[in-house]
Protein backbone atom coordinates (compact mmCIF):
# COMPACT_ATOMS: atom_id res chain seq x y z
CA UNK A 1 16.61 -37.83 -5.33
CA UNK A 2 13.26 -38.69 -6.87
CA UNK A 3 10.62 -36.04 -7.46
CA UNK A 4 7.17 -37.06 -6.31
CA UNK A 5 4.10 -35.25 -7.65
CA UNK A 6 2.56 -35.02 -4.17
CA UNK A 7 5.66 -33.37 -2.75
CA UNK A 8 5.94 -30.89 -5.61
CA UNK A 9 2.27 -30.06 -5.21
CA UNK A 10 2.65 -29.33 -1.50
CA UNK A 11 5.70 -27.15 -2.02
CA UNK A 12 4.68 -25.06 -5.03
CA UNK A 13 0.93 -25.33 -5.70
CA UNK A 14 -1.34 -22.50 -4.54
CA UNK A 15 1.54 -20.52 -2.98
CA UNK A 16 2.02 -16.89 -3.96
CA UNK A 17 4.66 -14.35 -2.93
CA UNK A 18 4.00 -10.70 -2.16
CA UNK A 19 5.94 -8.50 -4.58
CA UNK A 20 6.48 -5.83 -1.95
CA UNK A 21 7.68 -7.70 1.16
CA UNK A 22 8.30 -11.27 -0.17
CA UNK A 23 5.82 -12.84 2.30
CA UNK A 24 4.34 -16.23 1.24
CA UNK A 25 0.57 -16.70 1.11
CA UNK A 26 -1.31 -19.93 0.35
CA UNK A 27 -4.60 -19.29 -1.45
CA UNK A 28 -6.50 -20.01 -4.65
CA UNK A 29 -5.58 -18.32 -7.92
CA UNK A 30 -9.17 -17.13 -8.40
CA UNK A 31 -8.93 -15.05 -5.21
CA UNK A 32 -5.60 -13.57 -6.37
CA UNK A 33 -7.10 -12.59 -9.74
CA UNK A 34 -10.16 -11.08 -8.06
CA UNK A 35 -7.91 -8.99 -5.80
CA UNK A 36 -9.59 -10.16 -2.60
CA UNK A 37 -6.34 -11.29 -0.95
CA UNK A 38 -4.15 -8.91 1.04
CA UNK A 39 -0.69 -9.59 2.39
CA UNK A 40 -0.70 -10.20 6.15
CA UNK A 41 2.51 -8.25 6.57
CA UNK A 42 2.27 -5.14 4.39
CA UNK A 43 -1.41 -5.16 3.26
CA UNK A 44 -0.31 -5.20 -0.41
CA UNK A 45 -2.35 -6.82 -3.18
CA UNK A 46 0.39 -7.56 -5.74
CA UNK A 47 1.39 -11.23 -5.80
CA UNK A 48 3.43 -13.52 -8.02
CA UNK A 49 3.67 -17.31 -8.29
CA UNK A 50 6.41 -18.95 -6.27
CA UNK A 51 9.33 -20.12 -8.42
CA UNK A 52 10.38 -23.75 -8.19
CA UNK A 53 14.13 -24.27 -8.01
CA UNK A 54 15.43 -26.58 -10.68
CA UNK A 55 18.68 -28.44 -10.35
CA UNK A 56 19.98 -28.95 -13.76
């Protein structure tokens, strides 16, 4: 299966995962760094970048 840049961008760009409850949030990295984003589920402020699965 071919990897298209547009598809990879939609799936993995600007998506962060809450470290506490594993909820996904789509936002800008500048808002994550500033700490102005809260998790909708647990109200936590610790996020990580979503990991792309690689087949290889």
